[in-house]
Each structure stands twice: as C-alpha cells, then as structure tokens.
Amino acid sequence: LLLLSTPGFAQQTPDHERTLLFLNPSGTLYMANVSTKGVRIPQASLAPGKQVRRFRVSPDGRIGLLETANAKGVLAAWTLDLASRRSRLLGQGLLVPNDGASPFAPDGRRVALRHQNRDEVVILSANTGQVLHTLSIPGICEAPAWFGDARHIAVPTQLPTGRSAIAIWDAVSGSLRREALKDATRV
C-alpha cells in the first residue's frame, strides 16, 4: 500500500485528492484516487498479465518499479510510467528490495538492483531502462542503499570469514571507492 501525494504525479485539488497504489492478494496492481468526495478505483490492472510481488515508486512519483515472478520462480523487474501506464522490462533476475530501502537514487534518475542468484548489482536508467553499470560484488547479502548525493551506493557484503563489510561504490563511474567496516563483527 502506497499513498502518493507528489506534485508531479497527483495534482492537489481543492478536495485534497491523492493517489493510492495497492496490490490485491493475487498480485494485481491497482491505482485509486482518494479524496474527501470518495474513492475511485479503476477496474483495470496497472500491470495487465503480471503478478506483482513488490513495487516501489520514484521520488518524484512518476515511475513505478515492479517485481514479477514467472511460473519457474524467475523474477523480473519492470518500470511503469504511472501517467501513461506503459511498462518496460528492465531484466530477468533483478530484485526489488523487500525492506524499506528505495532502489531509486534520490534524484530519481537511476535504479540500483541486486541480481537474483549472482553477486551483482545492476545500475539502470530509470527513464530508459538502459544498463549503466553492472557491479561484481562478491558476498553481496542485501540490497544496495543510495547516499543522499545520488552518486554513491553502499552494499552490505559477507566476507569468506563470515564477517560483514560494507562496500562503497561510485554509481556514476562504476568503481569501488572503499570498503568500510571490513572484518567487523557480523551484523
């Protein structure tokens, strides 16, 4: 369940209309308009033919990021332009974070997604879906987190010793900046 009230997406009207995105139990993604006058829910799915497992919305409220699964359990990530309702496949095996972390850079222009069954993070353009960088990160154990500068990401990893580390990556150049907390006690 996600309530959007961003200026670029949900226009504020005198009756304080907001946009609500939600998944029903079968994984169908819907959008509803909620106002003091009532709730209007279109009967069509925002992602027809797709069973959505997770979704996130860009900071400006224009782009949705969806995770779907096929019958064999292979996950896929899609972007969805919320105004036009057009979806674009970003790739098979890409994971939308299942915690509160946003895969979107703070400026909303890029997305960082962990790859299913690989020690990789893929950085893509949120608007075009173009792969900008694929980072090989041995021992990755959680989704990357963006810094407020919209340039760097932190990636939690597990070292072969069983201890944890955090790698700091430059998401623009694709280079490793530093490893922090290396050989720290397991978190």
Protein backbone atom coordinates (compact mmCIF):
# COMPACT_ATOMS: atom_id res chain seq x y z
CA LEU A 1 0.00 0.00 0.00
CA LEU A 2 1.49 3.30 -1.06
CA LEU A 3 -0.04 6.78 -0.92
CA LEU A 4 1.34 9.28 -3.41
CA SER A 5 0.96 12.99 -2.98
CA THR A 6 3.87 14.24 -5.00
CA PRO A 7 3.41 17.39 -7.10
CA GLY A 8 4.45 15.81 -10.40
CA PHE A 9 2.06 12.90 -10.15
CA ALA A 10 -1.03 13.54 -8.08
CA GLN A 11 -2.40 17.01 -8.61
CA GLN A 12 -3.63 18.61 -5.43
CA THR A 13 -7.23 19.65 -5.89
CA PRO A 14 -9.48 21.64 -3.57
CA ASP A 15 -10.92 18.42 -2.18
CA HIS A 16 -7.37 17.10 -1.44
CA GLU A 17 -7.26 14.22 -3.91
CA ARG A 18 -4.41 11.73 -3.50
CA THR A 19 -3.34 8.66 -5.46
CA LEU A 20 -3.11 5.27 -3.81
CA LEU A 21 -1.25 2.28 -5.26
CA PHE A 22 -2.02 -1.16 -3.86
CA LEU A 23 -1.69 -4.88 -4.55
CA ASN A 24 -4.63 -7.19 -4.11
CA PRO A 25 -3.95 -10.69 -2.66
CA SER A 26 -3.50 -12.21 -6.15
CA GLY A 27 -0.74 -9.72 -7.03
CA THR A 28 -2.74 -7.38 -9.24
CA LEU A 29 -1.53 -3.78 -9.01
CA TYR A 30 -4.23 -1.08 -8.86
CA MET A 31 -4.28 2.69 -8.61
CA ALA A 32 -7.07 4.54 -6.81
CA ASN A 33 -7.90 8.21 -6.42
CA VAL A 34 -8.84 9.11 -2.88
CA SER A 35 -10.44 12.41 -1.93
CA THR A 36 -12.89 13.86 0.54
CA LYS A 37 -15.57 13.07 -2.08
CA GLY A 38 -14.80 9.35 -2.04
CA VAL A 39 -12.59 6.67 -3.56
CA ARG A 40 -12.41 5.87 -7.27
CA ILE A 41 -10.73 2.56 -8.18
CA PRO A 42 -10.40 1.69 -11.87
CA GLN A 43 -11.12 -2.00 -12.52
CA ALA A 44 -8.12 -2.48 -14.82
CA SER A 45 -4.74 -3.56 -13.52
CA LEU A 46 -1.83 -1.16 -13.86
CA ALA A 47 0.30 -4.13 -14.96
CA PRO A 48 -2.01 -6.37 -17.03
CA GLY A 49 -0.93 -10.00 -17.18
CA LYS A 50 1.70 -9.60 -14.49
CA GLN A 51 1.54 -10.89 -10.95
CA VAL A 52 3.37 -8.19 -8.99
CA ARG A 53 5.32 -9.28 -5.90
CA ARG A 54 6.79 -5.92 -4.87
CA PHE A 55 6.76 -2.35 -6.06
CA ARG A 56 8.40 0.98 -5.32
CA VAL A 57 7.79 4.48 -6.68
CA SER A 58 10.39 7.03 -7.77
CA PRO A 59 10.93 10.08 -5.53
CA ASP A 60 9.03 12.29 -8.00
CA GLY A 61 6.11 9.84 -8.17
CA ARG A 62 6.27 9.37 -11.94
CA ILE A 63 7.81 5.90 -12.27
CA GLY A 64 6.83 2.66 -10.61
CA LEU A 65 9.29 -0.20 -10.25
CA LEU A 66 7.67 -3.65 -10.21
CA GLU A 67 8.98 -7.12 -9.43
CA THR A 68 7.18 -10.07 -11.02
CA ALA A 69 7.79 -13.83 -10.95
CA ASN A 70 7.13 -16.41 -13.64
CA ALA A 71 5.94 -19.97 -13.00
CA LYS A 72 9.56 -21.17 -12.62
CA GLY A 73 10.29 -18.58 -9.91
CA VAL A 74 12.47 -16.37 -12.09
CA LEU A 75 11.99 -12.79 -11.01
CA ALA A 76 11.92 -9.80 -13.33
CA ALA A 77 11.98 -6.05 -12.78
CA TRP A 78 9.84 -3.62 -14.79
CA THR A 79 9.40 0.11 -14.84
CA LEU A 80 5.92 1.52 -15.20
CA ASP A 81 5.25 5.09 -16.29
CA LEU A 82 2.35 5.87 -13.95
CA ALA A 83 0.88 8.58 -16.20
CA SER A 84 0.83 6.58 -19.46
CA ARG A 85 0.69 3.11 -17.81
CA ARG A 86 3.38 1.82 -20.17
CA SER A 87 5.68 -0.82 -18.75
CA ARG A 88 9.23 -1.71 -19.75
CA LEU A 89 11.14 -4.85 -18.84
CA LEU A 90 14.41 -3.95 -17.13
CA GLY A 91 15.65 -7.52 -16.97
CA GLN A 92 15.19 -11.06 -15.72
CA GLY A 93 16.58 -11.92 -12.30
CA LEU A 94 16.54 -8.39 -10.88
CA LEU A 95 15.24 -7.97 -7.33
CA VAL A 96 13.22 -5.06 -5.93
CA PRO A 97 14.24 -4.65 -2.26
CA ASN A 98 11.82 -6.25 0.18
CA ASP A 99 12.69 -3.91 3.02
CA GLY A 100 12.06 -0.17 3.18
CA ALA A 101 15.09 0.69 1.04
CA SER A 102 14.43 2.58 -2.16
CA PRO A 103 16.18 1.26 -5.26
CA PHE A 104 15.84 4.75 -6.79
CA ALA A 105 18.64 7.27 -6.49
CA PRO A 106 17.47 10.33 -4.52
CA ASP A 107 17.24 12.29 -7.79
CA GLY A 108 15.06 9.51 -9.29
CA ARG A 109 17.20 9.16 -12.42
CA ARG A 110 18.82 5.78 -11.69
CA VAL A 111 17.87 2.48 -10.10
CA ALA A 112 20.25 0.05 -8.33
CA LEU A 113 19.01 -3.54 -8.17
CA ARG A 114 20.58 -6.70 -6.81
CA HIS A 115 20.71 -9.63 -9.23
CA GLN A 116 18.99 -12.88 -8.27
CA ASN A 117 21.50 -15.76 -7.84
CA ARG A 118 24.52 -13.63 -8.78
CA ASP A 119 26.88 -11.43 -6.80
CA GLU A 120 25.97 -8.37 -8.87
CA VAL A 121 24.30 -5.00 -8.62
CA VAL A 122 22.87 -3.58 -11.83
CA ILE A 123 22.54 0.22 -12.15
CA LEU A 124 19.99 1.29 -14.75
CA SER A 125 18.48 4.49 -16.08
CA ALA A 126 15.01 4.85 -14.54
CA ASN A 127 13.70 6.58 -17.66
CA THR A 128 15.09 4.37 -20.43
CA GLY A 129 15.91 1.09 -18.67
CA GLN A 130 19.43 1.19 -20.15
CA VAL A 131 22.04 -0.69 -18.11
CA LEU A 132 24.60 1.89 -16.99
CA HIS A 133 26.85 -0.40 -14.91
CA THR A 134 26.97 -3.97 -13.69
CA LEU A 135 29.00 -4.21 -10.49
CA SER A 136 30.50 -7.54 -9.46
CA ILE A 137 30.27 -7.62 -5.65
CA PRO A 138 31.30 -10.96 -4.10
CA GLY A 139 29.33 -11.85 -0.98
CA ILE A 140 26.50 -9.36 -1.52
CA CYS A 141 23.81 -10.14 1.02
CA GLU A 142 21.35 -7.23 0.87
CA ALA A 143 20.06 -4.56 -1.49
CA PRO A 144 22.29 -1.55 -2.07
CA ALA A 145 21.44 1.77 -0.42
CA TRP A 146 21.88 5.16 -2.07
CA PHE A 147 23.74 8.05 -0.46
CA GLY A 148 21.99 11.43 -0.48
CA ASP A 149 24.42 12.69 -3.13
CA ALA A 150 22.73 10.38 -5.71
CA ARG A 151 26.22 9.28 -6.77
CA HIS A 152 27.31 6.60 -4.31
CA ILE A 153 25.79 3.36 -3.07
CA ALA A 154 26.61 1.25 -0.03
CA VAL A 155 26.44 -2.52 -0.44
CA PRO A 156 26.44 -4.89 2.56
CA THR A 157 28.55 -7.99 1.96
CA GLN A 158 29.59 -11.09 3.84
CA LEU A 159 33.28 -11.92 3.74
CA PRO A 160 34.54 -15.52 3.38
CA THR A 161 35.49 -15.34 7.08
CA GLY A 162 31.79 -14.92 7.95
CA ARG A 163 32.26 -11.32 8.99
CA SER A 164 30.47 -8.39 7.39
CA ALA A 165 31.69 -5.45 5.36
CA ILE A 166 30.18 -2.52 3.54
CA ALA A 167 31.50 -1.60 0.13
CA ILE A 168 31.05 1.96 -1.13
CA TRP A 169 30.65 2.20 -4.92
CA ASP A 170 30.57 5.18 -7.26
CA ALA A 171 27.34 4.56 -9.21
CA VAL A 172 28.34 7.03 -11.95
CA SER A 173 31.77 5.57 -12.79
CA GLY A 174 31.09 2.03 -11.54
CA SER A 175 34.26 1.98 -9.44
CA LEU A 176 34.82 0.72 -5.92
CA ARG A 177 35.52 3.71 -3.65
CA ARG A 178 36.33 1.88 -0.42
CA GLU A 179 35.43 -0.97 1.86
CA ALA A 180 34.25 0.11 5.27
CA LEU A 181 33.85 -1.96 8.42
CA LYS A 182 35.94 -4.71 6.84
CA ASP A 183 36.35 -7.63 9.20
CA ALA A 184 33.83 -6.12 11.58
CA THR A 185 31.78 -8.40 13.77
CA ARG A 186 28.92 -9.97 11.85
CA VAL A 187 25.82 -7.74 11.81
